[in-house]
């Protein structure tokens, strides 16, 4: 998979149990390899990056990943964060009939 990153916030979300790396190669700037996948809530691996370069960069991965930028990256961060879990727990408690 190859993706052209135009700058701004970027998320790489790997599939569950997938192994591999992603390489970010800017048109001008330092090339970096992503191989540290973090646990983010119930998801297997998520990496969030901010550009360290100007212009665009090519993102090449050795496995299937979902790439998010802009609005979709922000939305993913919101729905994966602790606030959404608090809302779900409160919502479930309200729907549970008393015994």
PDB file of N, CA and C in Angstrom:
ATOM      1  N   UNK A   1       0.830  -1.164   0.000  1.00  0.00           N
ATOM      2  CA  UNK A   1       0.000   0.000   0.000  1.00  0.00           C
ATOM      3  C   UNK A   1       0.880   1.234   0.000  1.00  0.00           C
ATOM      4  N   UNK A   2       0.544   2.186  -0.820  1.00  0.00           N
ATOM      5  CA  UNK A   2       1.278   3.452  -0.840  1.00  0.00           C
ATOM      6  C   UNK A   2       0.282   4.602  -0.729  1.00  0.00           C
ATOM      7  N   UNK A   3       0.665   5.617   0.036  1.00  0.00           N
ATOM      8  CA  UNK A   3      -0.194   6.771   0.261  1.00  0.00           C
ATOM      9  C   UNK A   3       0.670   8.021   0.196  1.00  0.00           C
ATOM     10  N   UNK A   4       0.156   9.075  -0.417  1.00  0.00           N
ATOM     11  CA  UNK A   4       0.867  10.348  -0.444  1.00  0.00           C
ATOM     12  C   UNK A   4       0.307  11.238   0.651  1.00  0.00           C
ATOM     13  N   UNK A   5       1.143  11.565   1.617  1.00  0.00           N
ATOM     14  CA  UNK A   5       0.775  12.383   2.767  1.00  0.00           C
ATOM     15  C   UNK A   5       1.084  13.831   2.434  1.00  0.00           C
ATOM     16  N   UNK A   6       0.067  14.672   2.508  1.00  0.00           N
ATOM     17  CA  UNK A   6       0.218  16.084   2.146  1.00  0.00           C
ATOM     18  C   UNK A   6       0.482  16.979   3.358  1.00  0.00           C
ATOM     19  N   UNK A   7       0.734  16.395   4.514  1.00  0.00           N
ATOM     20  CA  UNK A   7       0.976  17.174   5.727  1.00  0.00           C
ATOM     21  C   UNK A   7      -0.230  17.115   6.640  1.00  0.00           C
ATOM     22  N   UNK A   8      -0.154  17.739   7.800  1.00  0.00           N
ATOM     23  CA  UNK A   8      -1.217  17.670   8.787  1.00  0.00           C
ATOM     24  C   UNK A   8      -1.120  16.382   9.577  1.00  0.00           C
ATOM     25  N   UNK A   9      -2.053  16.201  10.513  1.00  0.00           N
ATOM     26  CA  UNK A   9      -2.048  15.026  11.385  1.00  0.00           C
ATOM     27  C   UNK A   9      -2.358  13.761  10.574  1.00  0.00           C
ATOM     28  N   UNK A  10      -1.664  12.673  10.866  1.00  0.00           N
ATOM     29  CA  UNK A  10      -1.835  11.400  10.153  1.00  0.00           C
ATOM     30  C   UNK A  10      -1.965  10.266  11.161  1.00  0.00           C
ATOM     31  N   UNK A  11      -2.881   9.356  10.899  1.00  0.00           N
ATOM     32  CA  UNK A  11      -3.009   8.137  11.704  1.00  0.00           C
ATOM     33  C   UNK A  11      -2.819   6.930  10.802  1.00  0.00           C
ATOM     34  N   UNK A  12      -2.051   5.982  11.304  1.00  0.00           N
ATOM     35  CA  UNK A  12      -1.900   4.680  10.659  1.00  0.00           C
ATOM     36  C   UNK A  12      -2.481   3.662  11.623  1.00  0.00           C
ATOM     37  N   UNK A  13      -3.491   2.946  11.182  1.00  0.00           N
ATOM     38  CA  UNK A  13      -4.207   1.991  12.031  1.00  0.00           C
ATOM     39  C   UNK A  13      -4.070   0.611  11.395  1.00  0.00           C
ATOM     40  N   UNK A  14      -3.252  -0.248  12.022  1.00  0.00           N
ATOM     41  CA  UNK A  14      -3.017  -1.570  11.428  1.00  0.00           C
ATOM     42  C   UNK A  14      -4.122  -2.533  11.800  1.00  0.00           C
ATOM     43  N   UNK A  15      -4.279  -3.526  10.981  1.00  0.00           N
ATOM     44  CA  UNK A  15      -5.270  -4.571  11.244  1.00  0.00           C
ATOM     45  C   UNK A  15      -4.810  -5.422  12.425  1.00  0.00           C
ATOM     46  N   UNK A  16      -5.775  -6.005  13.093  1.00  0.00           N
ATOM     47  CA  UNK A  16      -5.474  -6.834  14.250  1.00  0.00           C
ATOM     48  C   UNK A  16      -4.536  -7.976  13.875  1.00  0.00           C
ATOM     49  N   UNK A  17      -3.543  -8.181  14.681  1.00  0.00           N
ATOM     50  CA  UNK A  17      -2.545  -9.246  14.525  1.00  0.00           C
ATOM     51  C   UNK A  17      -1.661  -9.099  13.296  1.00  0.00           C
ATOM     52  N   UNK A  18      -1.752  -7.993  12.597  1.00  0.00           N
ATOM     53  CA  UNK A  18      -0.873  -7.782  11.448  1.00  0.00           C
ATOM     54  C   UNK A  18       0.503  -7.359  11.943  1.00  0.00           C
ATOM     55  N   UNK A  19       1.517  -7.783  11.247  1.00  0.00           N
ATOM     56  CA  UNK A  19       2.886  -7.405  11.588  1.00  0.00           C
ATOM     57  C   UNK A  19       3.529  -6.758  10.381  1.00  0.00           C
ATOM     58  N   UNK A  20       4.350  -5.782  10.638  1.00  0.00           N
ATOM     59  CA  UNK A  20       5.048  -5.122   9.551  1.00  0.00           C
ATOM     60  C   UNK A  20       5.462  -3.719   9.941  1.00  0.00           C
ATOM     61  N   UNK A  21       5.902  -2.974   8.936  1.00  0.00           N
ATOM     62  CA  UNK A  21       6.365  -1.610   9.161  1.00  0.00           C
ATOM     63  C   UNK A  21       5.793  -0.691   8.093  1.00  0.00           C
ATOM     64  N   UNK A  22       5.852   0.592   8.378  1.00  0.00           N
ATOM     65  CA  UNK A  22       5.530   1.616   7.393  1.00  0.00           C
ATOM     66  C   UNK A  22       6.729   2.560   7.309  1.00  0.00           C
ATOM     67  N   UNK A  23       7.063   2.956   6.111  1.00  0.00           N
ATOM     68  CA  UNK A  23       8.166   3.881   5.900  1.00  0.00           C
ATOM     69  C   UNK A  23       7.613   5.177   5.334  1.00  0.00           C
ATOM     70  N   UNK A  24       7.986   6.282   5.964  1.00  0.00           N
ATOM     71  CA  UNK A  24       7.570   7.606   5.519  1.00  0.00           C
ATOM     72  C   UNK A  24       8.778   8.266   4.870  1.00  0.00           C
ATOM     73  N   UNK A  25       8.651   8.558   3.564  1.00  0.00           N
ATOM     74  CA  UNK A  25       9.745   9.144   2.811  1.00  0.00           C
ATOM     75  C   UNK A  25       9.322  10.516   2.291  1.00  0.00           C
ATOM     76  N   UNK A  26       9.756  11.597   2.945  1.00  0.00           N
ATOM     77  CA  UNK A  26       9.402  12.946   2.490  1.00  0.00           C
ATOM     78  C   UNK A  26      10.142  13.318   1.214  1.00  0.00           C
ATOM     79  N   UNK A  27       9.543  14.244   0.462  1.00  0.00           N
ATOM     80  CA  UNK A  27      10.221  14.768  -0.721  1.00  0.00           C
ATOM     81  C   UNK A  27      11.499  15.483  -0.291  1.00  0.00           C
ATOM     82  N   UNK A  28      11.427  16.168   0.864  1.00  0.00           N
ATOM     83  CA  UNK A  28      12.633  16.775   1.434  1.00  0.00           C
ATOM     84  C   UNK A  28      12.560  16.616   2.946  1.00  0.00           C
ATOM     85  N   UNK A  29      13.519  15.918   3.495  1.00  0.00           N
ATOM     86  CA  UNK A  29      13.529  15.683   4.935  1.00  0.00           C
ATOM     87  C   UNK A  29      13.954  14.270   5.256  1.00  0.00           C
ATOM     88  N   UNK A  30      13.990  13.975   6.531  1.00  0.00           N
ATOM     89  CA  UNK A  30      14.457  12.691   7.030  1.00  0.00           C
ATOM     90  C   UNK A  30      13.430  11.580   6.818  1.00  0.00           C
ATOM     91  N   UNK A  31      13.895  10.454   6.321  1.00  0.00           N
ATOM     92  CA  UNK A  31      13.049   9.260   6.152  1.00  0.00           C
ATOM     93  C   UNK A  31      12.915   8.555   7.498  1.00  0.00           C
ATOM     94  N   UNK A  32      11.680   8.091   7.822  1.00  0.00           N
ATOM     95  CA  UNK A  32      11.456   7.403   9.096  1.00  0.00           C
ATOM     96  C   UNK A  32      10.681   6.109   8.882  1.00  0.00           C
ATOM     97  N   UNK A  33      10.988   5.131   9.723  1.00  0.00           N
ATOM     98  CA  UNK A  33      10.286   3.854   9.701  1.00  0.00           C
ATOM     99  C   UNK A  33       9.418   3.748  10.948  1.00  0.00           C
ATOM    100  N   UNK A  34       8.165   3.371  10.754  1.00  0.00           N
ATOM    101  CA  UNK A  34       7.222   3.195  11.863  1.00  0.00           C
ATOM    102  C   UNK A  34       7.097   1.709  12.135  1.00  0.00           C
ATOM    103  N   UNK A  35       7.501   1.303  13.338  1.00  0.00           N
ATOM    104  CA  UNK A  35       7.352  -0.100  13.720  1.00  0.00           C
ATOM    105  C   UNK A  35       6.912  -0.246  15.171  1.00  0.00           C
ATOM    106  N   UNK A  36       6.609   0.853  15.822  1.00  0.00           N
ATOM    107  CA  UNK A  36       6.120   0.856  17.200  1.00  0.00           C
ATOM    108  C   UNK A  36       4.619   1.062  17.177  1.00  0.00           C
ATOM    109  N   UNK A  37       3.855  -0.011  17.259  1.00  0.00           N
ATOM    110  CA  UNK A  37       2.389   0.071  17.220  1.00  0.00           C
ATOM    111  C   UNK A  37       1.855   0.080  18.633  1.00  0.00           C
ATOM    112  N   UNK A  38       1.060   1.081  18.950  1.00  0.00           N
ATOM    113  CA  UNK A  38       0.538   1.271  20.299  1.00  0.00           C
ATOM    114  C   UNK A  38      -0.858   0.693  20.410  1.00  0.00           C
ATOM    115  N   UNK A  39      -1.220   0.340  21.635  1.00  0.00           N
ATOM    116  CA  UNK A  39      -2.611  -0.049  21.898  1.00  0.00           C
ATOM    117  C   UNK A  39      -3.410   1.219  22.108  1.00  0.00           C
ATOM    118  N   UNK A  40      -4.525   1.306  21.424  1.00  0.00           N
ATOM    119  CA  UNK A  40      -5.403   2.467  21.554  1.00  0.00           C
ATOM    120  C   UNK A  40      -6.807   1.951  21.798  1.00  0.00           C
ATOM    121  N   UNK A  41      -7.205   1.914  23.057  1.00  0.00           N
ATOM    122  CA  UNK A  41      -8.535   1.408  23.373  1.00  0.00           C
ATOM    123  C   UNK A  41      -8.646  -0.050  23.000  1.00  0.00           C
ATOM    124  N   UNK A  42      -9.632  -0.379  22.210  1.00  0.00           N
ATOM    125  CA  UNK A  42      -9.853  -1.770  21.825  1.00  0.00           C
ATOM    126  C   UNK A  42      -9.162  -2.126  20.515  1.00  0.00           C
ATOM    127  N   UNK A  43      -8.403  -1.217  19.974  1.00  0.00           N
ATOM    128  CA  UNK A  43      -7.743  -1.449  18.688  1.00  0.00           C
ATOM    129  C   UNK A  43      -6.341  -1.999  18.899  1.00  0.00           C
ATOM    130  N   UNK A  44      -5.901  -2.805  17.959  1.00  0.00           N
ATOM    131  CA  UNK A  44      -4.610  -3.474  18.075  1.00  0.00           C
ATOM    132  C   UNK A  44      -3.438  -2.532  17.934  1.00  0.00           C
ATOM    133  N   UNK A  45      -3.496  -1.643  16.986  1.00  0.00           N
ATOM    134  CA  UNK A  45      -2.345  -0.792  16.790  1.00  0.00           C
ATOM    135  C   UNK A  45      -2.675   0.493  16.070  1.00  0.00           C
ATOM    136  N   UNK A  46      -2.214   1.569  16.637  1.00  0.00           N
ATOM    137  CA  UNK A  46      -2.482   2.881  16.062  1.00  0.00           C
ATOM    138  C   UNK A  46      -1.252   3.739  16.255  1.00  0.00           C
ATOM    139  N   UNK A  47      -0.841   4.418  15.202  1.00  0.00           N
ATOM    140  CA  UNK A  47       0.268   5.359  15.292  1.00  0.00           C
ATOM    141  C   UNK A  47      -0.243   6.697  14.795  1.00  0.00           C
ATOM    142  N   UNK A  48       0.047   7.743  15.559  1.00  0.00           N
ATOM    143  CA  UNK A  48      -0.332   9.092  15.166  1.00  0.00           C
ATOM    144  C   UNK A  48       0.941   9.883  14.904  1.00  0.00           C
ATOM    145  N   UNK A  49       0.971  10.564  13.784  1.00  0.00           N
ATOM    146  CA  UNK A  49       2.161  11.317  13.387  1.00  0.00           C
ATOM    147  C   UNK A  49       1.793  12.752  13.011  1.00  0.00           C
ATOM    148  N   UNK A  50       2.689  13.656  13.324  1.00  0.00           N
ATOM    149  CA  UNK A  50       2.629  15.023  12.819  1.00  0.00           C
ATOM    150  C   UNK A  50       3.839  15.201  11.923  1.00  0.00           C
ATOM    151  N   UNK A  51       3.711  15.985  10.864  1.00  0.00           N
ATOM    152  CA  UNK A  51       4.821  16.098   9.914  1.00  0.00           C
ATOM    153  C   UNK A  51       6.060  16.748  10.525  1.00  0.00           C
ATOM    154  N   UNK A  52       7.212  16.238  10.181  1.00  0.00           N
ATOM    155  CA  UNK A  52       8.501  16.788  10.580  1.00  0.00           C
ATOM    156  C   UNK A  52       9.200  17.380   9.353  1.00  0.00           C
ATOM    157  N   UNK A  53       8.444  17.512   8.279  1.00  0.00           N
ATOM    158  CA  UNK A  53       8.959  17.935   6.980  1.00  0.00           C
ATOM    159  C   UNK A  53       7.981  18.938   6.380  1.00  0.00           C
ATOM    160  N   UNK A  54       8.418  19.601   5.333  1.00  0.00           N
ATOM    161  CA  UNK A  54       7.500  20.461   4.578  1.00  0.00           C
ATOM    162  C   UNK A  54       7.226  19.792   3.233  1.00  0.00           C
ATOM    163  N   UNK A  55       6.043  20.036   2.703  1.00  0.00           N
ATOM    164  CA  UNK A  55       5.673  19.405   1.438  1.00  0.00           C
ATOM    165  C   UNK A  55       4.971  18.083   1.674  1.00  0.00           C
ATOM    166  N   UNK A  56       5.163  17.155   0.754  1.00  0.00           N
ATOM    167  CA  UNK A  56       4.488  15.857   0.836  1.00  0.00           C
ATOM    168  C   UNK A  56       5.478  14.741   1.165  1.00  0.00           C
ATOM    169  N   UNK A  57       4.919  13.571   1.490  1.00  0.00           N
ATOM    170  CA  UNK A  57       5.740  12.394   1.765  1.00  0.00           C
ATOM    171  C   UNK A  57       4.997  11.164   1.272  1.00  0.00           C
ATOM    172  N   UNK A  58       5.756  10.153   0.905  1.00  0.00           N
ATOM    173  CA  UNK A  58       5.183   8.871   0.495  1.00  0.00           C
ATOM    174  C   UNK A  58       5.203   7.942   1.703  1.00  0.00           C
ATOM    175  N   UNK A  59       4.040   7.330   1.984  1.00  0.00           N
ATOM    176  CA  UNK A  59       3.928   6.366   3.080  1.00  0.00           C
ATOM    177  C   UNK A  59       3.754   4.993   2.448  1.00  0.00           C
ATOM    178  N   UNK A  60       4.696   4.109   2.697  1.00  0.00           N
ATOM    179  CA  UNK A  60       4.686   2.759   2.132  1.00  0.00           C
ATOM    180  C   UNK A  60       4.699   1.753   3.271  1.00  0.00           C
ATOM    181  N   UNK A  61       3.709   0.842   3.285  1.00  0.00           N
ATOM    182  CA  UNK A  61       3.591  -0.138   4.374  1.00  0.00           C
ATOM    183  C   UNK A  61       3.723  -1.557   3.837  1.00  0.00           C
ATOM    184  N   UNK A  62       4.233  -2.446   4.682  1.00  0.00           N
ATOM    185  CA  UNK A  62       4.400  -3.850   4.301  1.00  0.00           C
ATOM    186  C   UNK A  62       3.198  -4.696   4.705  1.00  0.00           C
ATOM    187  N   UNK A  63       2.130  -4.048   5.174  1.00  0.00           N
ATOM    188  CA  UNK A  63       0.902  -4.723   5.587  1.00  0.00           C
ATOM    189  C   UNK A  63      -0.265  -3.790   5.308  1.00  0.00           C
ATOM    190  N   UNK A  64      -1.472  -4.305   5.456  1.00  0.00           N
ATOM    191  CA  UNK A  64      -2.655  -3.469   5.272  1.00  0.00           C
ATOM    192  C   UNK A  64      -2.835  -2.559   6.478  1.00  0.00           C
ATOM    193  N   UNK A  65      -2.992  -1.269   6.221  1.00  0.00           N
ATOM    194  CA  UNK A  65      -3.290  -0.291   7.262  1.00  0.00           C
ATOM    195  C   UNK A  65      -4.388   0.633   6.758  1.00  0.00           C
ATOM    196  N   UNK A  66      -5.098   1.230   7.694  1.00  0.00           N
ATOM    197  CA  UNK A  66      -6.051   2.283   7.360  1.00  0.00           C
ATOM    198  C   UNK A  66      -5.364   3.604   7.633  1.00  0.00           C
ATOM    199  N   UNK A  67      -5.396   4.500   6.663  1.00  0.00           N
ATOM    200  CA  UNK A  67      -4.769   5.811   6.790  1.00  0.00           C
ATOM    201  C   UNK A  67      -5.870   6.841   6.993  1.00  0.00           C
ATOM    202  N   UNK A  68      -5.718   7.666   8.032  1.00  0.00           N
ATOM    203  CA  UNK A  68      -6.683   8.732   8.292  1.00  0.00           C
ATOM    204  C   UNK A  68      -5.959  10.061   8.441  1.00  0.00           C
ATOM    205  N   UNK A  69      -6.570  11.114   7.903  1.00  0.00           N
ATOM    206  CA  UNK A  69      -6.061  12.467   8.066  1.00  0.00           C
ATOM    207  C   UNK A  69      -7.241  13.401   8.321  1.00  0.00           C
ATOM    208  N   UNK A  70      -6.943  14.605   8.766  1.00  0.00           N
ATOM    209  CA  UNK A  70      -7.964  15.636   8.908  1.00  0.00           C
ATOM    210  C   UNK A  70      -9.113  15.251   9.816  1.00  0.00           C
ATOM    211  N   UNK A  71     -10.340  15.479   9.340  1.00  0.00           N
ATOM    212  CA  UNK A  71     -11.555  15.230  10.105  1.00  0.00           C
ATOM    213  C   UNK A  71     -11.637  13.794  10.598  1.00  0.00           C
ATOM    214  N   UNK A  72     -11.306  12.827   9.752  1.00  0.00           N
ATOM    215  CA  UNK A  72     -11.447  11.415  10.103  1.00  0.00           C
ATOM    216  C   UNK A  72     -10.466  11.019  11.199  1.00  0.00           C
ATOM    217  N   UNK A  73      -9.271  11.590  11.183  1.00  0.00           N
ATOM    218  CA  UNK A  73      -8.309  11.318  12.263  1.00  0.00           C
ATOM    219  C   UNK A  73      -8.806  11.894  13.581  1.00  0.00           C
ATOM    220  N   UNK A  74      -9.374  13.095  13.532  1.00  0.00           N
ATOM    221  CA  UNK A  74      -9.927  13.718  14.739  1.00  0.00           C
ATOM    222  C   UNK A  74     -11.102  12.912  15.273  1.00  0.00           C
ATOM    223  N   UNK A  75     -11.990  12.482  14.391  1.00  0.00           N
ATOM    224  CA  UNK A  75     -13.141  11.685  14.804  1.00  0.00           C
ATOM    225  C   UNK A  75     -12.700  10.375  15.452  1.00  0.00           C
ATOM    226  N   UNK A  76     -11.733   9.703  14.872  1.00  0.00           N
ATOM    227  CA  UNK A  76     -11.218   8.442  15.433  1.00  0.00           C
ATOM    228  C   UNK A  76     -10.668   8.680  16.833  1.00  0.00           C
ATOM    229  N   UNK A  77      -9.945   9.782  17.021  1.00  0.00           N
ATOM    230  CA  UNK A  77      -9.377  10.095  18.322  1.00  0.00           C
ATOM    231  C   UNK A  77     -10.490  10.320  19.352  1.00  0.00           C
ATOM    232  N   UNK A  78     -11.549  11.001  18.943  1.00  0.00           N
ATOM    233  CA  UNK A  78     -12.660  11.276  19.853  1.00  0.00           C
ATOM    234  C   UNK A  78     -13.405  10.005  20.257  1.00  0.00           C
ATOM    235  N   UNK A  79     -13.722   9.146  19.287  1.00  0.00           N
ATOM    236  CA  UNK A  79     -14.506   7.951  19.599  1.00  0.00           C
ATOM    237  C   UNK A  79     -13.674   6.852  20.244  1.00  0.00           C
ATOM    238  N   UNK A  80     -12.361   6.967  20.194  1.00  0.00           N
ATOM    239  CA  UNK A  80     -11.496   5.962  20.813  1.00  0.00           C
ATOM    240  C   UNK A  80     -11.031   6.389  22.195  1.00  0.00           C
ATOM    241  N   UNK A  81     -11.299   7.619  22.564  1.00  0.00           N
ATOM    242  CA  UNK A  81     -10.796   8.154  23.822  1.00  0.00           C
ATOM    243  C   UNK A  81     -11.634   7.749  25.019  1.00  0.00           C
ATOM    244  N   UNK A  82     -11.164   8.092  26.208  1.00  0.00           N
ATOM    245  CA  UNK A  82     -11.853   7.701  27.440  1.00  0.00           C
ATOM    246  C   UNK A  82     -13.236   8.337  27.594  1.00  0.00           C
ATOM    247  N   UNK A  83     -13.450   9.502  27.016  1.00  0.00           N
ATOM    248  CA  UNK A  83     -14.741  10.167  27.150  1.00  0.00           C
ATOM    249  C   UNK A  83     -15.866   9.326  26.564  1.00  0.00           C
ATOM    250  N   UNK A  84     -15.644   8.679  25.440  1.00  0.00           N
ATOM    251  CA  UNK A  84     -16.691   7.877  24.809  1.00  0.00           C
ATOM    252  C   UNK A  84     -17.060   6.685  25.698  1.00  0.00           C
ATOM    253  N   UNK A  85     -16.080   6.099  26.411  1.00  0.00           N
ATOM    254  CA  UNK A  85     -16.371   4.983  27.304  1.00  0.00           C
ATOM    255  C   UNK A  85     -17.229   5.426  28.484  1.00  0.00           C
ATOM    256  N   UNK A  86     -16.977   6.619  29.000  1.00  0.00           N
ATOM    257  CA  UNK A  86     -17.790   7.156  30.095  1.00  0.00           C
ATOM    258  C   UNK A  86     -19.225   7.367  29.622  1.00  0.00           C
ATOM    259  N   UNK A  87     -19.392   7.909  28.428  1.00  0.00           N
ATOM    260  CA  UNK A  87     -20.724   8.138  27.871  1.00  0.00           C
ATOM    261  C   UNK A  87     -21.464   6.815  27.684  1.00  0.00           C
ATOM    262  N   UNK A  88     -20.791   5.796  27.181  1.00  0.00           N
ATOM    263  CA  UNK A  88     -21.415   4.486  26.962  1.00  0.00           C
ATOM    264  C   UNK A  88     -21.832   3.868  28.286  1.00  0.00           C
ATOM    265  N   UNK A  89     -20.983   3.922  29.299  1.00  0.00           N
ATOM    266  CA  UNK A  89     -21.308   3.347  30.606  1.00  0.00           C
ATOM    267  C   UNK A  89     -22.514   4.059  31.206  1.00  0.00           C
ATOM    268  N   UNK A  90     -22.539   5.376  31.169  1.00  0.00           N
ATOM    269  CA  UNK A  90     -23.673   6.131  31.702  1.00  0.00           C
ATOM    270  C   UNK A  90     -24.943   5.802  30.931  1.00  0.00           C
ATOM    271  N   UNK A  91     -24.827   5.721  29.634  1.00  0.00           N
ATOM    272  CA  UNK A  91     -25.975   5.409  28.788  1.00  0.00           C
ATOM    273  C   UNK A  91     -26.536   4.025  29.113  1.00  0.00           C
ATOM    274  N   UNK A  92     -25.673   3.054  29.300  1.00  0.00           N
ATOM    275  CA  UNK A  92     -26.116   1.691  29.614  1.00  0.00           C
ATOM    276  C   UNK A  92     -26.778   1.621  30.982  1.00  0.00           C
ATOM    277  N   UNK A  93     -26.261   2.363  31.939  1.00  0.00           N
ATOM    278  CA  UNK A  93     -26.848   2.361  33.282  1.00  0.00           C
ATOM    279  C   UNK A  93     -28.252   2.952  33.252  1.00  0.00           C
ATOM    280  N   UNK A  94     -28.458   3.942  32.442  1.00  0.00           N
ATOM    281  CA  UNK A  94     -29.781   4.561  32.350  1.00  0.00           C
ATOM    282  C   UNK A  94     -30.799   3.620  31.708  1.00  0.00           C
ATOM    283  N   UNK A  95     -30.368   2.783  30.792  1.00  0.00           N
ATOM    284  CA  UNK A  95     -31.283   1.861  30.118  1.00  0.00           C
ATOM    285  C   UNK A  95     -31.547   0.601  30.894  1.00  0.00           C
ATOM    286  N   UNK A  96     -30.732   0.286  31.859  1.00  0.00           N
ATOM    287  CA  UNK A  96     -30.910  -0.927  32.637  1.00  0.00           C
ATOM    288  C   UNK A  96     -32.060  -0.737  33.623  1.00  0.00           C
ATOM    289  N   UNK A  97     -33.111  -1.567  33.521  1.00  0.00           N
ATOM    290  CA  UNK A  97     -34.262  -1.409  34.438  1.00  0.00           C
ATOM    291  C   UNK A  97     -33.868  -1.809  35.856  1.00  0.00           C
ATOM    292  N   UNK A  98     -34.432  -1.124  36.848  1.00  0.00           N
ATOM    293  CA  UNK A  98     -34.100  -1.472  38.240  1.00  0.00           C
ATOM    294  C   UNK A  98     -34.700  -2.835  38.599  1.00  0.00           C
ATOM    295  N   UNK A  99     -34.072  -3.515  39.525  1.00  0.00           N
ATOM    296  CA  UNK A  99     -34.532  -4.848  39.951  1.00  0.00           C
ATOM    297  C   UNK A  99     -35.379  -4.773  41.171  1.00  0.00           C
TER     298      UNK A  99
END
